[in-house]
C-alpha atoms as a PDB file:
ATOM      1  CA  MET A   1      -0.005  -0.086  -0.130  1.00  0.00           C
ATOM      2  CA  TYR A   2       2.913   2.391   1.040  1.00  0.00           C
ATOM      3  CA  LYS A   3       4.770   1.935  -2.336  1.00  0.00           C
ATOM      4  CA  SER A   4       1.851   2.250  -4.452  1.00  0.00           C
ATOM      5  CA  THR A   5       0.926   5.569  -2.701  1.00  0.00           C
ATOM      6  CA  LEU A   6       4.583   6.685  -3.074  1.00  0.00           C
ATOM      7  CA  LEU A   7       4.353   5.550  -6.949  1.00  0.00           C
ATOM      8  CA  LEU A   8       1.176   7.305  -7.612  1.00  0.00           C
ATOM      9  CA  THR A   9       2.234  10.554  -5.662  1.00  0.00           C
ATOM     10  CA  LEU A  10       5.569  10.682  -7.837  1.00  0.00           C
ATOM     11  CA  LEU A  11       3.675  10.062 -11.037  1.00  0.00           C
ATOM     12  CA  LEU A  12       1.403  12.885 -10.187  1.00  0.00           C
ATOM     13  CA  MET A  13       4.389  15.502  -9.136  1.00  0.00           C
ATOM     14  CA  LEU A  14       5.892  14.508 -12.818  1.00  0.00           C
ATOM     15  CA  ALA A  15       2.521  14.764 -14.577  1.00  0.00           C
ATOM     16  CA  GLY A  16       2.359  17.937 -13.065  1.00  0.00           C
ATOM     17  CA  CYS A  17       5.991  19.302 -14.075  1.00  0.00           C
ATOM     18  CA  ALA A  18       5.216  18.205 -17.539  1.00  0.00           C
ATOM     19  CA  ALA A  19       1.807  19.790 -17.697  1.00  0.00           C
ATOM     20  CA  LYS A  20       3.429  23.045 -16.715  1.00  0.00           C
ATOM     21  CA  LYS A  21       5.694  22.936 -19.700  1.00  0.00           C
ATOM     22  CA  THR A  22       2.954  22.343 -22.081  1.00  0.00           C
ATOM     23  CA  ASN A  23       0.877  25.179 -20.628  1.00  0.00           C
ATOM     24  CA  PRO A  24       2.051  28.741 -21.552  1.00  0.00           C
ATOM     25  CA  SER A  25       0.626  30.120 -18.209  1.00  0.00           C
ATOM     26  CA  GLY A  26       2.408  27.669 -16.027  1.00  0.00           C
ATOM     27  CA  VAL A  27       5.926  28.701 -17.794  1.00  0.00           C
ATOM     28  CA  ALA A  28       5.120  32.351 -17.688  1.00  0.00           C
ATOM     29  CA  TYR A  29       4.109  32.198 -13.940  1.00  0.00           C
ATOM     30  CA  ASP A  30       7.485  30.171 -13.208  1.00  0.00           C
ATOM     31  CA  PHE A  31       9.452  32.715 -15.282  1.00  0.00           C
ATOM     32  CA  TRP A  32       8.133  35.866 -13.534  1.00  0.00           C
ATOM     33  CA  MET A  33       8.189  33.975  -9.895  1.00  0.00           C
ATOM     34  CA  ALA A  34      12.057  33.351 -10.791  1.00  0.00           C
ATOM     35  CA  GLU A  35      12.512  36.908 -11.581  1.00  0.00           C
ATOM     36  CA  LYS A  36      10.428  38.027  -8.416  1.00  0.00           C
ATOM     37  CA  GLU A  37      13.038  35.701  -6.385  1.00  0.00           C
ATOM     38  CA  GLN A  38      15.773  37.104  -8.424  1.00  0.00           C
ATOM     39  CA  LYS A  39      16.341  33.398  -9.497  1.00  0.00           C
ATOM     40  CA  ILE A  40      18.024  34.547 -12.810  1.00  0.00           C
ATOM     41  CA  ASP A  41      19.408  30.996 -13.738  1.00  0.00           C
ATOM     42  CA  ARG A  42      16.083  29.554 -13.229  1.00  0.00           C
ATOM     43  CA  ALA A  43      14.230  32.265 -15.296  1.00  0.00           C
ATOM     44  CA  ALA A  44      16.997  31.643 -18.279  1.00  0.00           C
ATOM     45  CA  GLY A  45      15.973  27.876 -17.957  1.00  0.00           C
ATOM     46  CA  LEU A  46      12.426  28.827 -19.235  1.00  0.00           C
ATOM     47  CA  THR A  47      13.597  31.154 -22.141  1.00  0.00           C
ATOM     48  CA  LEU A  48      14.275  30.311 -25.817  1.00  0.00           C
ATOM     49  CA  ASP A  49      17.756  31.277 -25.573  1.00  0.00           C
ATOM     50  CA  HIS A  50      18.546  30.009 -22.011  1.00  0.00           C
ATOM     51  CA  ASP A  51      20.637  33.160 -21.433  1.00  0.00           C
ATOM     52  CA  ALA A  52      20.958  34.552 -17.903  1.00  0.00           C
ATOM     53  CA  GLU A  53      21.971  37.828 -19.034  1.00  0.00           C
ATOM     54  CA  SER A  54      19.024  38.227 -21.494  1.00  0.00           C
ATOM     55  CA  ALA A  55      16.706  36.951 -18.843  1.00  0.00           C
ATOM     56  CA  ARG A  56      17.658  39.375 -16.132  1.00  0.00           C
ATOM     57  CA  LEU A  57      15.576  42.276 -15.492  1.00  0.00           C
ATOM     58  CA  HIS A  58      16.789  46.068 -14.549  1.00  0.00           C
ATOM     59  CA  ARG A  59      18.339  45.344 -11.207  1.00  0.00           C
ATOM     60  CA  LYS A  60      15.848  48.196  -9.657  1.00  0.00           C
ATOM     61  CA  ILE A  61      12.594  46.345 -10.579  1.00  0.00           C
ATOM     62  CA  LYS A  62      11.175  44.769  -7.604  1.00  0.00           C
ATOM     63  CA  ILE A  63       8.250  42.795  -8.242  1.00  0.00           C
ATOM     64  CA  GLU A  64       5.636  42.641  -5.380  1.00  0.00           C
ATOM     65  CA  ASP A  65       2.915  40.743  -6.993  1.00  0.00           C
ATOM     66  CA  MET A  66       1.590  39.023 -10.206  1.00  0.00           C
ATOM     67  CA  LYS A  67      -1.488  38.064 -12.163  1.00  0.00           C
ATOM     68  CA  LEU A  68      -1.666  36.146 -15.392  1.00  0.00           C
ATOM     69  CA  GLY A  69      -4.610  35.955 -17.608  1.00  0.00           C
ATOM     70  CA  ASP A  70      -5.852  33.245 -20.035  1.00  0.00           C
ATOM     71  CA  PRO A  71      -3.156  32.300 -22.759  1.00  0.00           C
ATOM     72  CA  GLU A  72      -3.899  33.058 -26.494  1.00  0.00           C
ATOM     73  CA  ILE A  73      -2.323  30.665 -28.311  1.00  0.00           C
ATOM     74  CA  LYS A  74      -1.728  30.828 -32.191  1.00  0.00           C
ATOM     75  CA  GLY A  75       0.048  27.661 -33.514  1.00  0.00           C
ATOM     76  CA  THR A  76       3.744  27.744 -31.863  1.00  0.00           C
ATOM     77  CA  ASP A  77       3.424  31.421 -30.345  1.00  0.00           C
ATOM     78  CA  ALA A  78       1.259  32.292 -27.400  1.00  0.00           C
ATOM     79  CA  THR A  79       0.781  35.452 -25.435  1.00  0.00           C
ATOM     80  CA  VAL A  80      -0.007  35.587 -21.692  1.00  0.00           C
ATOM     81  CA  PRO A  81      -1.729  38.543 -20.303  1.00  0.00           C
ATOM     82  CA  THR A  82       0.434  39.592 -17.335  1.00  0.00           C
ATOM     83  CA  THR A  83       0.036  42.339 -14.534  1.00  0.00           C
ATOM     84  CA  LEU A  84       3.001  42.949 -12.203  1.00  0.00           C
ATOM     85  CA  THR A  85       2.768  45.050  -9.188  1.00  0.00           C
ATOM     86  CA  LEU A  86       6.189  46.792  -8.796  1.00  0.00           C
ATOM     87  CA  GLY A  87       7.482  48.257  -5.654  1.00  0.00           C
ATOM     88  CA  ASP A  88       9.576  51.196  -4.742  1.00  0.00           C
ATOM     89  CA  PHE A  89       8.538  52.578  -8.420  1.00  0.00           C
ATOM     90  CA  SER A  90       8.489  56.172  -7.951  1.00  0.00           C
ATOM     91  CA  PRO A  91      11.956  58.033  -7.150  1.00  0.00           C
ATOM     92  CA  LEU A  92      10.148  60.649  -4.883  1.00  0.00           C
ATOM     93  CA  GLY A  93       6.980  58.916  -3.686  1.00  0.00           C
ATOM     94  CA  HIS A  94       8.311  55.210  -3.523  1.00  0.00           C
ATOM     95  CA  GLU A  95       4.647  54.079  -4.175  1.00  0.00           C
ATOM     96  CA  LYS A  96       3.830  50.917  -6.143  1.00  0.00           C
ATOM     97  CA  ALA A  97       2.986  50.727  -9.834  1.00  0.00           C
ATOM     98  CA  THR A  98       0.839  48.172 -11.697  1.00  0.00           C
ATOM     99  CA  VAL A  99       1.896  47.364 -15.080  1.00  0.00           C
ATOM    100  CA  THR A 100       0.234  45.236 -17.715  1.00  0.00           C
ATOM    101  CA  PHE A 101       1.635  43.905 -20.810  1.00  0.00           C
ATOM    102  CA  GLU A 102       1.928  40.544 -22.700  1.00  0.00           C
ATOM    103  CA  THR A 103       4.550  37.594 -21.520  1.00  0.00           C
ATOM    104  CA  HIS A 104       5.654  36.365 -25.241  1.00  0.00           C
ATOM    105  CA  LEU A 105       6.149  32.345 -25.671  1.00  0.00           C
ATOM    106  CA  LYS A 106       6.992  29.958 -28.497  1.00  0.00           C
ATOM    107  CA  LYS A 107       6.580  26.486 -28.431  1.00  0.00           C
ATOM    108  CA  GLU A 108      10.135  25.008 -28.669  1.00  0.00           C
ATOM    109  CA  GLU A 109      10.422  20.825 -28.756  1.00  0.00           C
ATOM    110  CA  LYS A 110       7.034  20.302 -27.107  1.00  0.00           C
ATOM    111  CA  ALA A 111       7.624  22.710 -24.368  1.00  0.00           C
ATOM    112  CA  TRP A 112       6.764  26.369 -24.175  1.00  0.00           C
ATOM    113  CA  ARG A 113       9.691  28.764 -23.746  1.00  0.00           C
ATOM    114  CA  VAL A 114       9.448  32.615 -22.954  1.00  0.00           C
ATOM    115  CA  ASP A 115      10.472  35.015 -25.833  1.00  0.00           C
ATOM    116  CA  THR A 116      12.650  37.426 -23.550  1.00  0.00           C
ATOM    117  CA  PHE A 117      13.207  40.010 -26.263  1.00  0.00           C
ATOM    118  CA  ALA A 118       9.603  40.120 -27.133  1.00  0.00           C
ATOM    119  CA  THR A 119       8.541  40.044 -23.614  1.00  0.00           C
ATOM    120  CA  LYS A 120      10.837  42.524 -22.415  1.00  0.00           C
ATOM    121  CA  LYS A 121      10.083  44.964 -25.203  1.00  0.00           C
ATOM    122  CA  SER A 122       6.568  44.699 -23.998  1.00  0.00           C
ATOM    123  CA  PHE A 123       7.226  44.798 -20.151  1.00  0.00           C
ATOM    124  CA  TYR A 124       9.728  47.887 -20.608  1.00  0.00           C
ATOM    125  CA  LEU A 125       7.111  49.792 -22.951  1.00  0.00           C
ATOM    126  CA  ALA A 126       4.294  49.212 -20.248  1.00  0.00           C
ATOM    127  CA  THR A 127       7.194  50.099 -17.301  1.00  0.00           C
ATOM    128  CA  THR A 128       8.083  53.442 -19.094  1.00  0.00           C
ATOM    129  CA  LYS A 129       4.374  54.582 -19.462  1.00  0.00           C
ATOM    130  CA  ALA A 130       3.690  53.942 -15.657  1.00  0.00           C
ATOM    131  CA  TYR A 131       7.149  55.520 -14.535  1.00  0.00           C
ATOM    132  CA  ALA A 132       6.359  58.611 -16.695  1.00  0.00           C
ATOM    133  CA  GLU A 133       2.876  58.964 -14.953  1.00  0.00           C
ATOM    134  CA  ALA A 134       4.621  58.558 -11.526  1.00  0.00           C
ATOM    135  CA  LEU A 135       7.040  60.997 -12.244  1.00  0.00           C
ATOM    136  CA  GLY A 136       4.179  63.643 -13.505  1.00  0.00           C
ATOM    137  CA  LYS A 137       2.579  62.708 -10.091  1.00  0.00           C
ATOM    138  CA  ASP A 138       5.504  63.411  -8.040  1.00  0.00           C
ATOM    139  CA  PHE A 139       6.315  66.645 -10.127  1.00  0.00           C
ATOM    140  CA  ALA A 140       2.966  68.018  -9.520  1.00  0.00           C
ATOM    141  CA  SER A 141       2.844  66.970  -5.935  1.00  0.00           C
ATOM    142  CA  THR A 142       6.437  68.551  -5.320  1.00  0.00           C
ATOM    143  CA  ILE A 143       5.216  71.817  -7.139  1.00  0.00           C
ATOM    144  CA  ARG A 144       1.953  71.939  -5.236  1.00  0.00           C
ATOM    145  CA  ASN A 145       3.952  71.362  -1.798  1.00  0.00           C
ATOM    146  CA  ALA A 146       6.342  74.079  -3.025  1.00  0.00           C
ATOM    147  CA  LEU A 147       3.750  76.706  -3.797  1.00  0.00           C
ATOM    148  CA  GLY A 148       0.620  75.782  -1.822  1.00  0.00           C
ATOM    149  CA  ASP A 149      -2.656  75.141  -2.648  1.00  0.00           C
ATOM    150  CA  ARG A 150      -4.754  76.692  -5.531  1.00  0.00           C
ATOM    151  CA  GLU A 151      -6.289  79.687  -3.285  1.00  0.00           C
ATOM    152  CA  GLN A 152      -2.543  80.711  -2.112  1.00  0.00           C
ATOM    153  CA  ILE A 153      -1.314  80.551  -5.798  1.00  0.00           C
ATOM    154  CA  LYS A 154      -4.456  82.590  -6.720  1.00  0.00           C
ATOM    155  CA  GLY A 155      -3.840  85.051  -3.907  1.00  0.00           C
ATOM    156  CA  VAL A 156      -0.078  85.382  -4.935  1.00  0.00           C
ATOM    157  CA  PHE A 157      -1.040  86.263  -8.597  1.00  0.00           C
ATOM    158  CA  GLU A 158      -4.044  88.792  -7.417  1.00  0.00           C
ATOM    159  CA  GLU A 159      -1.220  90.623  -5.402  1.00  0.00           C
ATOM    160  CA  LEU A 160       1.339  90.574  -7.965  1.00  0.00           C
ATOM    161  CA  MET A 161      -1.276  91.955 -10.504  1.00  0.00           C
ATOM    162  CA  GLN A 162      -2.368  94.769  -8.029  1.00  0.00           C
ATOM    163  CA  SER A 163       1.066  95.798  -7.659  1.00  0.00           C
ATOM    164  CA  LEU A 164       1.655  95.803 -11.381  1.00  0.00           C
ATOM    165  CA  LYS A 165      -1.276  98.033 -11.614  1.00  0.00           C
ATOM    166  CA  LYS A 166      -0.401 100.170  -9.016  1.00  0.00           C
ATOM    167  CA  THR A 167       3.218 100.368 -10.427  1.00  0.00           C
ATOM    168  CA  LEU A 168       1.935 101.170 -14.210  1.00  0.00           C
ATOM    169  CA  GLY A 169      -0.543 103.828 -12.725  1.00  0.00           C
ATOM    170  CA  GLU A 170       2.156 105.635 -10.859  1.00  0.00           C
ATOM    171  CA  LYS A 171       4.385 105.606 -14.030  1.00  0.00           C
ATOM    172  CA  SER A 172       1.504 107.220 -16.149  1.00  0.00           C
ATOM    173  CA  LYS A 173       0.831 109.865 -13.791  1.00  0.00           C
ATOM    174  CA  THR A 174       4.499 110.819 -13.681  1.00  0.00           C
ATOM    175  CA  ASN A 175       4.708 111.117 -17.674  1.00  0.00           C
END
């Protein structure tokens, strides 16, 4: 009984590992989990070129959470909708950012592999957009903090206009 249970458990584990490689979402999940844990060699093992340098993300990218959608498969190509939550994203506010893009995969020898070039292109475009938005928010917040709220700014401009009118009025009287 013990041996049959052990054998059944081993077979289920092997089938689960094989099923992950035949499912684009499973490969994408393993790839992004390896990136999150900064296990670059493990991530590289899931890519087309098996190159750790091409699998490596920018060192400042910190993945906090991930969600994957249902894959779209077209022959030997697949895309998996991917949403990552990145931490310490904004240089001033250190807020989180959520980026949505597609993880690209290709089928190679009956197993799905991440196409790092296409995936990184999609990822970095989404990240650049989110970074620009965060930077814009940081800039607006800094300006708002430096100048004060809307009423304060309006008051400063009204005083400036009155001062200009007074100065211009005095000059026209002397001419």
